[in-house]
Amino acid sequence: MRERCSRMPTREHAVIGIKRAYEPPARGDGHRVLVDRLWPRGIGKEALARAATGRVTLVYAARDSEHNNAVVLRGVVAPRARRLRGRV
């Protein structure tokens, strides 16, 4: 079975976004979390910060938008978040 493209949003990905650290913050990003081990060059912590709104954006510095830590982490976290929302 072939997996979906990591950039295509599914229902469970609706509250967990992915964005490259070098892209400017957007209003709908929500709480931005850097998932890479190393801090991206030339990016200040203030540039990655955003107010918490219920949406989370996993921020990565890798050039490859299909294969990076954020894609893997979203795949693990999104189904768990969906299950937790169902319990509330």
C-alpha atoms as a PDB file:
ATOM      1  CA  MET A   1       0.000   0.000   0.000  1.00  0.00           C
ATOM      2  CA  ARG A   2       1.350   3.407  -0.945  1.00  0.00           C
ATOM      3  CA  GLU A   3       1.468   6.137   1.697  1.00  0.00           C
ATOM      4  CA  ARG A   4       0.033   9.591   1.150  1.00  0.00           C
ATOM      5  CA  CYS A   5       2.319  12.448   0.280  1.00  0.00           C
ATOM      6  CA  SER A   6       3.482  13.975   3.555  1.00  0.00           C
ATOM      7  CA  ARG A   7       2.477  17.507   2.518  1.00  0.00           C
ATOM      8  CA  MET A   8      -1.137  16.528   1.773  1.00  0.00           C
ATOM      9  CA  PRO A   9      -3.278  17.309   4.820  1.00  0.00           C
ATOM     10  CA  THR A  10      -5.599  14.661   6.205  1.00  0.00           C
ATOM     11  CA  ARG A  11      -8.207  15.041   8.883  1.00  0.00           C
ATOM     12  CA  GLU A  12      -5.813  14.136  11.710  1.00  0.00           C
ATOM     13  CA  HIS A  13      -3.222  16.575  10.335  1.00  0.00           C
ATOM     14  CA  ALA A  14      -5.671  19.474  10.504  1.00  0.00           C
ATOM     15  CA  VAL A  15      -4.287  20.778  13.801  1.00  0.00           C
ATOM     16  CA  ILE A  16      -0.658  19.779  13.227  1.00  0.00           C
ATOM     17  CA  GLY A  17       1.051  21.710  10.463  1.00  0.00           C
ATOM     18  CA  ILE A  18       4.557  21.457   9.056  1.00  0.00           C
ATOM     19  CA  LYS A  19       6.659  24.406   7.956  1.00  0.00           C
ATOM     20  CA  ARG A  20      10.299  25.058   7.165  1.00  0.00           C
ATOM     21  CA  ALA A  21      12.067  27.240   9.740  1.00  0.00           C
ATOM     22  CA  TYR A  22      13.130  29.695   7.043  1.00  0.00           C
ATOM     23  CA  GLU A  23       9.523  30.416   6.011  1.00  0.00           C
ATOM     24  CA  PRO A  24       8.017  33.441   7.792  1.00  0.00           C
ATOM     25  CA  PRO A  25       5.454  32.755  10.537  1.00  0.00           C
ATOM     26  CA  ALA A  26       1.833  32.937   9.443  1.00  0.00           C
ATOM     27  CA  ARG A  27      -1.178  33.955  11.503  1.00  0.00           C
ATOM     28  CA  GLY A  28      -2.625  30.421  11.403  1.00  0.00           C
ATOM     29  CA  ASP A  29       0.555  28.628  12.529  1.00  0.00           C
ATOM     30  CA  GLY A  30      -0.412  28.525  16.182  1.00  0.00           C
ATOM     31  CA  HIS A  31       2.282  27.275  18.557  1.00  0.00           C
ATOM     32  CA  ARG A  32       5.474  26.632  16.571  1.00  0.00           C
ATOM     33  CA  VAL A  33       7.790  23.829  17.753  1.00  0.00           C
ATOM     34  CA  LEU A  34      11.289  23.286  16.350  1.00  0.00           C
ATOM     35  CA  VAL A  35      11.778  19.545  15.868  1.00  0.00           C
ATOM     36  CA  ASP A  36      15.372  19.492  14.613  1.00  0.00           C
ATOM     37  CA  ARG A  37      18.273  18.809  16.927  1.00  0.00           C
ATOM     38  CA  LEU A  38      20.293  21.793  15.710  1.00  0.00           C
ATOM     39  CA  TRP A  39      19.044  25.361  15.627  1.00  0.00           C
ATOM     40  CA  PRO A  40      18.729  26.698  12.042  1.00  0.00           C
ATOM     41  CA  ARG A  41      21.386  29.246  11.028  1.00  0.00           C
ATOM     42  CA  GLY A  42      20.401  32.877  11.105  1.00  0.00           C
ATOM     43  CA  ILE A  43      17.003  32.306  12.723  1.00  0.00           C
ATOM     44  CA  GLY A  44      16.287  33.874  16.115  1.00  0.00           C
ATOM     45  CA  LYS A  45      14.047  32.226  18.684  1.00  0.00           C
ATOM     46  CA  GLU A  46      11.622  35.144  18.407  1.00  0.00           C
ATOM     47  CA  ALA A  47      11.180  34.391  14.694  1.00  0.00           C
ATOM     48  CA  LEU A  48       9.936  30.894  15.495  1.00  0.00           C
ATOM     49  CA  ALA A  49       7.737  31.851  18.442  1.00  0.00           C
ATOM     50  CA  ARG A  50       3.981  32.240  18.060  1.00  0.00           C
ATOM     51  CA  ALA A  51       1.095  32.377  20.506  1.00  0.00           C
ATOM     52  CA  ALA A  52      -0.605  29.091  21.368  1.00  0.00           C
ATOM     53  CA  THR A  53      -4.017  28.800  19.709  1.00  0.00           C
ATOM     54  CA  GLY A  54      -4.813  25.082  19.637  1.00  0.00           C
ATOM     55  CA  ARG A  55      -2.953  24.532  16.375  1.00  0.00           C
ATOM     56  CA  VAL A  56       0.635  23.330  16.371  1.00  0.00           C
ATOM     57  CA  THR A  57       3.154  23.797  13.570  1.00  0.00           C
ATOM     58  CA  LEU A  58       6.196  21.540  13.575  1.00  0.00           C
ATOM     59  CA  VAL A  59       9.117  23.571  12.249  1.00  0.00           C
ATOM     60  CA  TYR A  60      12.112  21.960  10.541  1.00  0.00           C
ATOM     61  CA  ALA A  61      15.300  23.303   8.972  1.00  0.00           C
ATOM     62  CA  ALA A  62      16.027  20.527   6.460  1.00  0.00           C
ATOM     63  CA  ARG A  63      15.817  21.338   2.758  1.00  0.00           C
ATOM     64  CA  ASP A  64      13.863  18.178   1.990  1.00  0.00           C
ATOM     65  CA  SER A  65      10.190  18.888   2.639  1.00  0.00           C
ATOM     66  CA  GLU A  66       9.151  15.249   2.162  1.00  0.00           C
ATOM     67  CA  HIS A  67      11.740  13.529   4.385  1.00  0.00           C
ATOM     68  CA  ASN A  68      12.441  15.307   7.677  1.00  0.00           C
ATOM     69  CA  ASN A  69      11.857  15.024  11.418  1.00  0.00           C
ATOM     70  CA  ALA A  70       8.606  17.003  11.306  1.00  0.00           C
ATOM     71  CA  VAL A  71       6.952  14.584   8.864  1.00  0.00           C
ATOM     72  CA  VAL A  72       7.842  11.585  11.030  1.00  0.00           C
ATOM     73  CA  LEU A  73       6.778  13.301  14.258  1.00  0.00           C
ATOM     74  CA  ARG A  74       3.436  14.392  12.792  1.00  0.00           C
ATOM     75  CA  GLY A  75       2.807  10.809  11.714  1.00  0.00           C
ATOM     76  CA  VAL A  76       3.258   9.669  15.310  1.00  0.00           C
ATOM     77  CA  VAL A  77       1.539  12.552  17.117  1.00  0.00           C
ATOM     78  CA  ALA A  78      -1.485  13.203  14.877  1.00  0.00           C
ATOM     79  CA  PRO A  79      -3.283   9.854  15.432  1.00  0.00           C
ATOM     80  CA  ARG A  80      -2.697  10.118  19.185  1.00  0.00           C
ATOM     81  CA  ALA A  81      -4.022  13.676  19.238  1.00  0.00           C
ATOM     82  CA  ARG A  82      -7.117  12.559  17.342  1.00  0.00           C
ATOM     83  CA  ARG A  83      -7.763   9.789  19.877  1.00  0.00           C
ATOM     84  CA  LEU A  84      -7.343  12.221  22.772  1.00  0.00           C
ATOM     85  CA  ARG A  85      -9.779  14.706  21.197  1.00  0.00           C
ATOM     86  CA  GLY A  86     -12.319  11.898  20.944  1.00  0.00           C
ATOM     87  CA  ARG A  87     -12.122  11.277  24.696  1.00  0.00           C
ATOM     88  CA  VAL A  88     -12.932  14.853  25.674  1.00  0.00           C
END
